[in-house]
């Protein structure tokens, strides 16, 4: 299948692109069937062979997403712009850090639950002691103090 796409040319940090027709499986800088135009993104200058582009599209050539959007902008074809696929950056997982961060809230929750349980145990101990025993202990302490 034929594809209309960019082939990068130009110097380092000064990219320019040829708009070429080539096999989809061929490398973008490799062998091409025909040069259909050029694009300079720095100067925003684009030259296109509109008649040849329309001819090849009528023969079944598919434009890449970026070239398709450029052709729509320049008015060569009438269509909606496509969403350009930008690969997402892969973030390396660090299991040690992730586990340590994940454990901290759990540890805090466990400690909070232990404190609540300790408070409940103390409350039950105080509630279990009969009032009479407390009065007797208080009187005994008063007698000792005298």
C-alpha atoms as a PDB file:
ATOM      1  CA  UNK A   1       0.000   0.000   0.000  1.00  0.00           C
ATOM      2  CA  UNK A   2       1.267   3.456  -0.871  1.00  0.00           C
ATOM      3  CA  UNK A   3       1.618   6.154   1.784  1.00  0.00           C
ATOM      4  CA  UNK A   4       2.101   9.893   1.537  1.00  0.00           C
ATOM      5  CA  UNK A   5       4.319  10.916   4.422  1.00  0.00           C
ATOM      6  CA  UNK A   6       7.195  13.066   5.626  1.00  0.00           C
ATOM      7  CA  UNK A   7      10.833  12.173   5.028  1.00  0.00           C
ATOM      8  CA  UNK A   8      13.110  14.230   7.255  1.00  0.00           C
ATOM      9  CA  UNK A   9      15.967  16.118   5.632  1.00  0.00           C
ATOM     10  CA  UNK A  10      18.019  19.101   6.774  1.00  0.00           C
ATOM     11  CA  UNK A  11      20.561  19.773   9.459  1.00  0.00           C
ATOM     12  CA  UNK A  12      20.548  18.860  13.118  1.00  0.00           C
ATOM     13  CA  UNK A  13      18.112  21.097  15.036  1.00  0.00           C
ATOM     14  CA  UNK A  14      16.940  22.561  11.696  1.00  0.00           C
ATOM     15  CA  UNK A  15      14.530  19.977  10.356  1.00  0.00           C
ATOM     16  CA  UNK A  16      12.940  20.174   6.939  1.00  0.00           C
ATOM     17  CA  UNK A  17      10.710  17.551   5.405  1.00  0.00           C
ATOM     18  CA  UNK A  18      10.047  16.194   1.938  1.00  0.00           C
ATOM     19  CA  UNK A  19       6.505  15.006   1.357  1.00  0.00           C
ATOM     20  CA  UNK A  20       7.008  11.719  -0.468  1.00  0.00           C
ATOM     21  CA  UNK A  21       4.974   8.852  -1.882  1.00  0.00           C
ATOM     22  CA  UNK A  22       6.377   5.451  -0.946  1.00  0.00           C
ATOM     23  CA  UNK A  23       5.462   1.965   0.181  1.00  0.00           C
ATOM     24  CA  UNK A  24       4.118   1.952   3.712  1.00  0.00           C
ATOM     25  CA  UNK A  25       6.611  -0.764   4.734  1.00  0.00           C
ATOM     26  CA  UNK A  26       9.635   1.190   3.422  1.00  0.00           C
ATOM     27  CA  UNK A  27      11.733   3.291   5.771  1.00  0.00           C
ATOM     28  CA  UNK A  28      10.675   6.963   5.733  1.00  0.00           C
ATOM     29  CA  UNK A  29      14.093   8.061   4.487  1.00  0.00           C
ATOM     30  CA  UNK A  30      14.348   5.173   2.037  1.00  0.00           C
ATOM     31  CA  UNK A  31      13.342   4.653  -1.565  1.00  0.00           C
ATOM     32  CA  UNK A  32      10.327   6.678  -2.698  1.00  0.00           C
ATOM     33  CA  UNK A  33       8.084   6.633  -5.762  1.00  0.00           C
ATOM     34  CA  UNK A  34       7.646  10.383  -6.114  1.00  0.00           C
ATOM     35  CA  UNK A  35       8.341  13.632  -4.253  1.00  0.00           C
ATOM     36  CA  UNK A  36       5.062  15.501  -3.778  1.00  0.00           C
ATOM     37  CA  UNK A  37       6.275  18.607  -1.943  1.00  0.00           C
ATOM     38  CA  UNK A  38       8.267  19.958   0.985  1.00  0.00           C
ATOM     39  CA  UNK A  39       7.599  21.512   4.393  1.00  0.00           C
ATOM     40  CA  UNK A  40       9.735  23.778   6.580  1.00  0.00           C
ATOM     41  CA  UNK A  41       8.214  23.917  10.095  1.00  0.00           C
ATOM     42  CA  UNK A  42      10.535  26.728  11.221  1.00  0.00           C
ATOM     43  CA  UNK A  43       9.608  29.164   8.486  1.00  0.00           C
ATOM     44  CA  UNK A  44       6.097  27.717   8.085  1.00  0.00           C
ATOM     45  CA  UNK A  45       6.689  27.364   4.340  1.00  0.00           C
ATOM     46  CA  UNK A  46       5.032  24.521   2.464  1.00  0.00           C
ATOM     47  CA  UNK A  47       5.188  23.720  -1.238  1.00  0.00           C
ATOM     48  CA  UNK A  48       2.839  21.085  -2.607  1.00  0.00           C
ATOM     49  CA  UNK A  49       2.150  19.487  -5.978  1.00  0.00           C
ATOM     50  CA  UNK A  50      -1.610  19.546  -5.472  1.00  0.00           C
ATOM     51  CA  UNK A  51      -2.537  17.835  -8.746  1.00  0.00           C
ATOM     52  CA  UNK A  52      -0.159  14.906  -8.112  1.00  0.00           C
ATOM     53  CA  UNK A  53      -1.336  14.551  -4.492  1.00  0.00           C
ATOM     54  CA  UNK A  54      -4.990  14.399  -5.611  1.00  0.00           C
ATOM     55  CA  UNK A  55      -4.056  11.904  -8.326  1.00  0.00           C
ATOM     56  CA  UNK A  56      -2.318   9.532  -5.919  1.00  0.00           C
ATOM     57  CA  UNK A  57      -5.076   9.810  -3.310  1.00  0.00           C
ATOM     58  CA  UNK A  58      -7.593   8.898  -6.053  1.00  0.00           C
ATOM     59  CA  UNK A  59      -5.440   5.825  -6.805  1.00  0.00           C
ATOM     60  CA  UNK A  60      -5.666   4.708  -3.161  1.00  0.00           C
ATOM     61  CA  UNK A  61      -2.618   6.242  -1.483  1.00  0.00           C
ATOM     62  CA  UNK A  62      -3.151   6.975   2.227  1.00  0.00           C
ATOM     63  CA  UNK A  63      -1.727  10.101   3.865  1.00  0.00           C
ATOM     64  CA  UNK A  64      -0.149   9.840   7.311  1.00  0.00           C
ATOM     65  CA  UNK A  65      -1.987  11.660  10.102  1.00  0.00           C
ATOM     66  CA  UNK A  66       0.342  14.658  10.115  1.00  0.00           C
ATOM     67  CA  UNK A  67       0.438  14.983   6.328  1.00  0.00           C
ATOM     68  CA  UNK A  68      -3.361  14.600   6.211  1.00  0.00           C
ATOM     69  CA  UNK A  69      -3.745  17.479   8.701  1.00  0.00           C
ATOM     70  CA  UNK A  70      -1.316  19.597   6.654  1.00  0.00           C
ATOM     71  CA  UNK A  71      -3.266  18.908   3.440  1.00  0.00           C
ATOM     72  CA  UNK A  72      -6.534  19.835   5.173  1.00  0.00           C
ATOM     73  CA  UNK A  73      -4.973  23.072   6.468  1.00  0.00           C
ATOM     74  CA  UNK A  74      -3.683  24.003   3.001  1.00  0.00           C
ATOM     75  CA  UNK A  75      -7.035  23.170   1.399  1.00  0.00           C
ATOM     76  CA  UNK A  76      -5.792  20.385  -0.857  1.00  0.00           C
ATOM     77  CA  UNK A  77      -8.346  17.947   0.547  1.00  0.00           C
ATOM     78  CA  UNK A  78     -11.617  18.605   2.329  1.00  0.00           C
ATOM     79  CA  UNK A  79     -11.914  16.478   5.456  1.00  0.00           C
ATOM     80  CA  UNK A  80     -11.673  16.669   9.238  1.00  0.00           C
ATOM     81  CA  UNK A  81      -8.293  16.771  10.893  1.00  0.00           C
ATOM     82  CA  UNK A  82      -7.132  13.558  12.538  1.00  0.00           C
ATOM     83  CA  UNK A  83      -5.785  13.116  16.040  1.00  0.00           C
ATOM     84  CA  UNK A  84      -2.030  12.674  15.746  1.00  0.00           C
ATOM     85  CA  UNK A  85      -0.745   9.682  17.678  1.00  0.00           C
ATOM     86  CA  UNK A  86       1.963  10.689  20.114  1.00  0.00           C
ATOM     87  CA  UNK A  87       3.440   7.756  22.015  1.00  0.00           C
ATOM     88  CA  UNK A  88       3.117   8.076  25.771  1.00  0.00           C
ATOM     89  CA  UNK A  89       6.303   8.128  27.786  1.00  0.00           C
ATOM     90  CA  UNK A  90       6.851   4.923  29.696  1.00  0.00           C
ATOM     91  CA  UNK A  91       7.512   5.426  33.385  1.00  0.00           C
ATOM     92  CA  UNK A  92       9.710   2.797  34.970  1.00  0.00           C
ATOM     93  CA  UNK A  93       8.145   1.284  38.033  1.00  0.00           C
ATOM     94  CA  UNK A  94      10.186   1.304  41.215  1.00  0.00           C
ATOM     95  CA  UNK A  95       8.618  -1.429  43.356  1.00  0.00           C
ATOM     96  CA  UNK A  96      10.627  -0.616  46.505  1.00  0.00           C
ATOM     97  CA  UNK A  97       9.467   3.004  46.615  1.00  0.00           C
ATOM     98  CA  UNK A  98       5.920   2.084  45.663  1.00  0.00           C
ATOM     99  CA  UNK A  99       5.716  -0.505  48.449  1.00  0.00           C
ATOM    100  CA  UNK A 100       7.186   1.883  51.026  1.00  0.00           C
ATOM    101  CA  UNK A 101       4.731   4.618  50.089  1.00  0.00           C
ATOM    102  CA  UNK A 102       1.861   2.152  50.018  1.00  0.00           C
ATOM    103  CA  UNK A 103       2.774   0.789  53.475  1.00  0.00           C
ATOM    104  CA  UNK A 104       2.857   4.150  55.275  1.00  0.00           C
ATOM    105  CA  UNK A 105      -0.888   4.858  55.208  1.00  0.00           C
ATOM    106  CA  UNK A 106      -1.628   1.268  56.175  1.00  0.00           C
ATOM    107  CA  UNK A 107       0.760   1.469  59.135  1.00  0.00           C
ATOM    108  CA  UNK A 108      -0.808   4.746  60.242  1.00  0.00           C
ATOM    109  CA  UNK A 109      -4.296   3.229  60.033  1.00  0.00           C
ATOM    110  CA  UNK A 110      -3.205   0.191  62.054  1.00  0.00           C
ATOM    111  CA  UNK A 111      -1.656   2.393  64.762  1.00  0.00           C
ATOM    112  CA  UNK A 112      -4.819   4.514  64.912  1.00  0.00           C
ATOM    113  CA  UNK A 113      -6.931   1.371  65.316  1.00  0.00           C
ATOM    114  CA  UNK A 114      -4.610   0.084  68.087  1.00  0.00           C
ATOM    115  CA  UNK A 115      -4.983   3.393  69.981  1.00  0.00           C
ATOM    116  CA  UNK A 116      -8.762   3.177  69.698  1.00  0.00           C
ATOM    117  CA  UNK A 117      -8.706  -0.418  70.985  1.00  0.00           C
ATOM    118  CA  UNK A 118      -6.431   0.565  73.923  1.00  0.00           C
ATOM    119  CA  UNK A 119      -8.804   3.378  74.874  1.00  0.00           C
ATOM    120  CA  UNK A 120     -11.756   0.985  74.740  1.00  0.00           C
ATOM    121  CA  UNK A 121      -9.932  -1.535  76.946  1.00  0.00           C
ATOM    122  CA  UNK A 122      -9.161   1.169  79.567  1.00  0.00           C
ATOM    123  CA  UNK A 123     -12.785   2.329  79.510  1.00  0.00           C
ATOM    124  CA  UNK A 124     -14.010  -1.230  80.079  1.00  0.00           C
ATOM    125  CA  UNK A 125     -11.553  -1.728  82.961  1.00  0.00           C
ATOM    126  CA  UNK A 126     -12.819   1.403  84.683  1.00  0.00           C
ATOM    127  CA  UNK A 127     -16.442   0.446  84.073  1.00  0.00           C
ATOM    128  CA  UNK A 128     -15.941  -3.114  85.417  1.00  0.00           C
ATOM    129  CA  UNK A 129     -14.712  -2.003  88.867  1.00  0.00           C
ATOM    130  CA  UNK A 130     -17.694  -1.677  91.286  1.00  0.00           C
ATOM    131  CA  UNK A 131     -18.282   1.727  92.845  1.00  0.00           C
ATOM    132  CA  UNK A 132     -18.109   0.288  96.384  1.00  0.00           C
ATOM    133  CA  UNK A 133     -14.552  -0.975  95.857  1.00  0.00           C
ATOM    134  CA  UNK A 134     -13.458   2.443  94.643  1.00  0.00           C
ATOM    135  CA  UNK A 135     -14.946   4.105  97.747  1.00  0.00           C
ATOM    136  CA  UNK A 136     -13.255   1.578 100.026  1.00  0.00           C
ATOM    137  CA  UNK A 137      -9.878   2.157  98.320  1.00  0.00           C
ATOM    138  CA  UNK A 138     -10.300   5.915  98.658  1.00  0.00           C
ATOM    139  CA  UNK A 139     -11.125   5.585 102.390  1.00  0.00           C
ATOM    140  CA  UNK A 140      -8.145   3.288 102.902  1.00  0.00           C
ATOM    141  CA  UNK A 141      -5.832   5.812 101.265  1.00  0.00           C
ATOM    142  CA  UNK A 142      -7.235   8.583 103.497  1.00  0.00           C
ATOM    143  CA  UNK A 143      -6.603   6.500 106.614  1.00  0.00           C
ATOM    144  CA  UNK A 144      -3.018   5.813 105.498  1.00  0.00           C
ATOM    145  CA  UNK A 145      -2.462   9.502 104.775  1.00  0.00           C
ATOM    146  CA  UNK A 146      -3.548  10.458 108.331  1.00  0.00           C
END
